[in-house]
Each structure stands twice: as C-alpha cells, then as structure tokens.
N, C-alpha and C. Protein backbone atom coordinates (compact mmCIF):
# COMPACT_ATOMS: atom_id res chain seq x y z
N MET A 1 104.21 150.69 120.71
CA MET A 1 103.22 151.11 121.35
C MET A 1 103.33 152.32 121.96
N LYS A 2 104.28 152.68 121.67
CA LYS A 2 104.65 154.37 122.26
C LYS A 2 103.93 154.85 120.99
N ASN A 3 104.33 154.52 119.91
CA ASN A 3 103.39 154.97 118.05
C ASN A 3 101.87 154.80 119.24
N LEU A 4 101.17 154.32 119.19
CA LEU A 4 99.79 154.22 119.37
C LEU A 4 99.87 155.23 120.40
N ASN A 5 100.12 155.15 121.46
CA ASN A 5 99.56 156.67 123.11
C ASN A 5 99.94 157.48 121.92
N PHE A 6 100.88 157.79 121.29
CA PHE A 6 101.61 159.48 119.91
C PHE A 6 99.80 159.55 119.68
N LYS A 7 99.16 158.62 118.70
CA LYS A 7 98.41 158.68 117.60
C LYS A 7 96.89 158.99 118.75
N LYS A 8 96.81 158.07 119.99
CA LYS A 8 95.89 158.74 120.41
C LYS A 8 95.74 160.10 121.11
N GLY A 9 96.84 160.17 121.57
CA GLY A 9 97.06 161.97 122.46
C GLY A 9 96.79 162.84 121.18
N ILE A 10 96.80 162.65 119.89
CA ILE A 10 97.12 163.72 118.57
C ILE A 10 95.31 163.30 118.57
N ALA A 11 94.74 162.30 119.15
CA ALA A 11 93.43 162.40 118.66
C ALA A 11 92.14 162.97 119.42
N ILE A 12 93.20 162.77 120.71
CA ILE A 12 92.73 163.26 122.23
C ILE A 12 92.39 164.85 121.84
N GLY A 13 93.72 164.87 121.96
CA GLY A 13 93.59 166.60 121.73
C GLY A 13 93.64 167.16 120.02
N THR A 14 92.87 166.69 119.51
CA THR A 14 92.54 167.78 118.31
C THR A 14 90.89 167.67 118.49
N MET A 15 90.02 166.54 118.88
CA MET A 15 88.81 166.87 120.07
C MET A 15 88.81 167.81 120.90
N VAL A 16 90.00 167.50 121.81
CA VAL A 16 89.03 168.73 122.50
C VAL A 16 89.34 170.40 122.03
N GLY A 17 90.52 170.14 121.13
CA GLY A 17 90.68 171.83 120.59
C GLY A 17 89.55 171.88 119.53
N LEU A 18 88.72 171.04 118.75
CA LEU A 18 87.35 170.96 117.78
C LEU A 18 86.13 171.48 119.20
N LEU A 19 86.16 170.57 120.59
CA LEU A 19 84.99 170.86 121.25
C LEU A 19 85.65 172.12 122.13
N LEU A 20 86.18 172.85 123.04
CA LEU A 20 87.16 173.13 123.40
C LEU A 20 86.08 174.85 123.37
N PRO A 21 85.95 175.02 122.33
CA PRO A 21 85.45 176.79 121.58
C PRO A 21 83.88 176.11 121.46
N LEU A 22 83.73 175.91 121.77
CA LEU A 22 81.72 175.00 121.56
C LEU A 22 81.30 176.13 122.93
N LEU A 23 81.94 175.59 124.02
CA LEU A 23 81.71 176.35 125.26
C LEU A 23 81.32 176.99 125.22
N GLU A 24 81.49 177.93 124.88
CA GLU A 24 80.89 179.42 124.23
C GLU A 24 79.65 179.81 123.16
N LYS A 25 78.40 180.05 123.85
CA LYS A 25 77.39 180.23 123.03
C LYS A 25 77.52 181.20 122.07
N GLU A 26 78.08 182.43 121.60
CA GLU A 26 78.16 182.76 120.44
C GLU A 26 78.58 181.73 119.53
N ASN A 27 79.71 180.54 120.32
CA ASN A 27 80.86 180.18 118.91
C ASN A 27 79.71 178.80 118.73
N ARG A 28 78.63 178.45 119.34
CA ARG A 28 77.56 177.03 119.57
C ARG A 28 76.60 178.08 118.37
N VAL A 29 76.41 179.42 118.58
CA VAL A 29 74.94 179.87 117.73
C VAL A 29 75.51 179.46 116.10
N ARG A 30 76.78 180.49 116.00
CA ARG A 30 77.86 180.47 115.07
C ARG A 30 77.94 179.86 114.15
N LEU A 31 78.59 178.08 114.80
CA LEU A 31 78.22 176.57 113.89
C LEU A 31 77.23 176.45 113.57
N LYS A 32 76.03 176.77 114.39
CA LYS A 32 74.83 176.11 114.16
C LYS A 32 73.87 176.91 112.36
N GLY A 33 74.45 178.29 112.70
CA GLY A 33 74.27 179.04 111.80
C GLY A 33 74.58 178.55 110.53
N SER A 34 76.14 178.64 110.03
CA SER A 34 76.80 178.36 109.07
C SER A 34 76.10 176.82 108.84
N ALA A 35 75.76 175.88 109.47
CA ALA A 35 75.34 174.12 109.49
C ALA A 35 74.88 174.38 108.71
N PHE A 36 73.76 175.41 109.07
CA PHE A 36 72.11 174.86 109.09
C PHE A 36 72.48 176.28 106.92
N HIS A 37 72.94 177.00 106.30
CA HIS A 37 73.37 177.19 105.52
C HIS A 37 73.97 176.73 104.63
N VAL A 38 75.14 175.80 104.82
CA VAL A 38 75.72 174.62 104.67
C VAL A 38 74.42 173.48 103.92
N VAL A 39 73.58 173.06 105.04
CA VAL A 39 72.71 172.51 104.76
C VAL A 39 71.75 172.81 103.29
N ASN A 40 71.47 173.84 103.71
CA ASN A 40 70.57 174.48 102.39
C ASN A 40 70.88 174.82 101.02
N GLN A 41 72.28 174.96 101.15
CA GLN A 41 73.20 175.14 99.50
C GLN A 41 73.12 173.73 98.82
N ILE A 42 73.43 172.02 100.05
CA ILE A 42 73.43 171.34 99.28
C ILE A 42 72.02 170.75 99.01
N CYS A 43 71.23 170.98 99.37
CA CYS A 43 69.54 170.68 98.76
C CYS A 43 69.70 171.03 97.77
N PHE A 44 70.05 173.02 97.63
CA PHE A 44 69.94 173.49 96.46
C PHE A 44 70.45 172.97 95.45
N TYR A 45 71.74 173.25 95.49
CA TYR A 45 72.00 172.09 94.44
C TYR A 45 72.39 170.90 94.21
N ARG A 46 71.29 169.82 95.16
CA ARG A 46 70.70 169.03 94.54
C ARG A 46 69.67 169.21 93.81
N LYS A 47 69.21 169.48 93.88
CA LYS A 47 68.51 169.95 93.25
C LYS A 47 68.02 170.84 91.86
N GLN A 48 69.28 171.71 91.60
CA GLN A 48 69.97 172.50 90.90
C GLN A 48 71.39 172.03 90.43
N PRO A 49 71.36 170.52 90.22
CA PRO A 49 73.11 170.61 89.70
C PRO A 49 73.04 171.93 88.07
N SER A 50 72.54 171.89 87.15
CA SER A 50 73.20 172.86 86.31
C SER A 50 73.45 174.05 87.53
N VAL A 51 72.77 174.49 88.38
CA VAL A 51 73.25 176.34 89.06
C VAL A 51 74.94 175.67 89.82
N ALA A 52 74.87 174.39 90.56
CA ALA A 52 75.59 173.83 90.75
C ALA A 52 77.10 173.83 89.76
N VAL A 53 76.95 173.38 89.00
CA VAL A 53 77.92 173.70 87.72
C VAL A 53 78.12 174.83 87.58
N HIS A 54 77.48 175.56 87.22
CA HIS A 54 77.70 177.75 86.68
C HIS A 54 78.39 177.97 87.51
N ASP A 55 78.22 177.65 89.11
CA ASP A 55 79.10 178.35 90.16
C ASP A 55 80.06 178.08 90.08
N LEU A 56 80.22 177.00 90.18
CA LEU A 56 81.40 175.76 89.86
C LEU A 56 82.69 176.59 88.45
N ARG A 57 82.45 176.36 87.58
CA ARG A 57 82.82 177.01 86.41
C ARG A 57 83.67 178.45 86.70
N VAL A 58 82.24 179.92 87.15
CA VAL A 58 82.40 181.28 88.12
C VAL A 58 83.84 181.26 88.85
N GLY A 59 84.03 179.71 90.09
CA GLY A 59 84.77 180.05 91.10
C GLY A 59 85.95 179.96 89.96
N ILE A 60 85.90 178.45 89.50
CA ILE A 60 86.91 178.30 88.61
C ILE A 60 87.38 179.62 87.79
N GLY A 61 87.03 180.10 87.12
CA GLY A 61 87.19 181.29 86.53
C GLY A 61 87.49 182.22 87.29
N LYS A 62 86.95 182.98 88.72
CA LYS A 62 87.80 183.41 89.66
C LYS A 62 89.28 183.10 89.85
N ILE A 63 89.22 181.84 89.88
CA ILE A 63 90.46 181.24 90.57
C ILE A 63 91.70 181.59 89.23
N ASP A 64 91.28 181.58 88.36
CA ASP A 64 92.37 181.48 86.33
C ASP A 64 92.79 182.84 86.25
N ASP A 65 91.82 183.55 87.03
CA ASP A 65 92.28 185.34 87.36
C ASP A 65 93.30 186.05 88.13
N TYR A 66 93.01 185.15 89.52
CA TYR A 66 93.57 185.04 89.93
C TYR A 66 95.19 184.99 90.35
N LEU A 67 95.32 183.40 89.58
CA LEU A 67 96.42 182.49 89.22
C LEU A 67 97.39 183.80 87.89
N ASP A 68 96.21 184.17 86.94
CA ASP A 68 97.01 184.79 85.81
C ASP A 68 97.38 186.00 86.52
N GLU A 69 97.15 187.11 87.66
CA GLU A 69 97.91 187.90 88.06
C GLU A 69 98.57 187.43 89.25
N LEU A 70 98.40 186.56 89.65
CA LEU A 70 99.89 186.22 90.39
C LEU A 70 101.00 186.29 89.85
N THR A 71 100.71 185.39 88.99
CA THR A 71 101.17 185.61 87.42
C THR A 71 102.52 186.67 87.13
N LYS A 72 101.77 187.36 86.42
CA LYS A 72 102.47 188.64 86.14
C LYS A 72 102.97 189.25 87.40
N TYR A 73 102.55 189.26 88.43
CA TYR A 73 103.15 190.51 90.00
C TYR A 73 104.96 189.15 89.96
N VAL A 74 104.42 188.03 89.26
CA VAL A 74 105.77 186.79 89.76
C VAL A 74 106.72 187.35 88.79
N GLU A 75 106.55 187.69 88.04
CA GLU A 75 107.43 187.90 86.05
C GLU A 75 108.11 189.04 87.20
N GLN A 76 106.84 190.51 87.48
CA GLN A 76 107.67 191.51 87.41
C GLN A 76 108.57 191.31 88.54
N GLY A 77 108.23 190.89 89.52
CA GLY A 77 109.46 190.87 90.73
C GLY A 77 110.38 190.61 90.04
N SER A 78 110.26 189.00 88.98
CA SER A 78 111.81 188.21 88.38
C SER A 78 112.29 189.44 87.72
N ALA A 79 111.85 190.07 86.83
CA ALA A 79 112.31 190.83 86.43
C ALA A 79 113.46 192.08 87.37
N LEU A 80 112.47 192.93 88.13
CA LEU A 80 113.08 193.32 89.11
C LEU A 80 113.99 193.34 89.91
N ILE A 81 114.07 191.85 89.71
CA ILE A 81 115.57 191.26 90.74
C ILE A 81 116.89 191.18 89.96
N GLU A 82 116.36 190.57 88.85
CA GLU A 82 116.99 190.36 87.55
C GLU A 82 117.62 191.33 87.17
N GLY A 83 116.97 192.66 87.30
CA GLY A 83 117.61 193.97 86.98
C GLY A 83 118.61 194.68 87.48
N LYS A 84 117.77 194.16 88.87
CA LYS A 84 119.28 194.89 90.21
C LYS A 84 120.76 194.12 90.13
N ALA A 85 120.38 192.57 89.54
CA ALA A 85 121.27 191.58 89.99
C ALA A 85 122.66 192.16 88.46
N SER A 86 121.74 192.49 87.73
CA SER A 86 122.66 192.91 86.25
C SER A 86 123.39 193.83 86.40
N LYS A 87 122.89 195.17 87.37
CA LYS A 87 123.64 196.35 87.60
C LYS A 87 124.42 196.45 88.73
N ARG A 88 124.44 195.24 89.87
CA ARG A 88 125.54 195.14 90.62
C ARG A 88 126.69 194.44 90.04
N ASN A 89 126.42 193.51 88.56
CA ASN A 89 127.67 192.05 88.27
C ASN A 89 128.38 194.11 86.61
N SER A 90 127.39 194.57 86.69
CA SER A 90 128.18 195.39 85.61
C SER A 90 129.34 196.75 86.32
C-alpha cells in the first residue's frame, strides 16, 4: 500500500511540476510556438521522407565527429596523466 501511495505522490508531483510553469503567459506562448514548430516539422518529414533520412544522416555524422574529437581529448588527457605518473615513479 505504501508503494502505491508513493507512486501516486510522484505522479502528482510530476504533473504539478509540469503544469506550474504554464501559469506564466510567457511560458505558455513559448510552449505553443515550440509545439507548432514540431508539428510543422513532423508534417514536412511525412511528406518528404528522403529529407528526414538525409537530416538524420547529417545529425549522426555530427555526433560521430563530436565523439572522435572527444576521444582525442580523452587520449590526450590519459597520456598527460600517464606522463605525470611516470615522472613521479622515476
């Protein structure tokens, strides 16, 4: 029974947390504009699936480039740490 009440409390708290910011008109207007933009994008991609595939591939390419750069920085950091550790042991 306690577990059910806990889950209800979490659900109610989540709903209040999501709805409370909508009391301000600026947030409602921004949300409405964002929703309108998303719906337009969905309609566009439904009519032009090849564009959706192209945009997805471009996005994946950007993520791949970012991960390559991140890997390079991690390797540089690892080499730096190993260099400092080997100097201490010498």
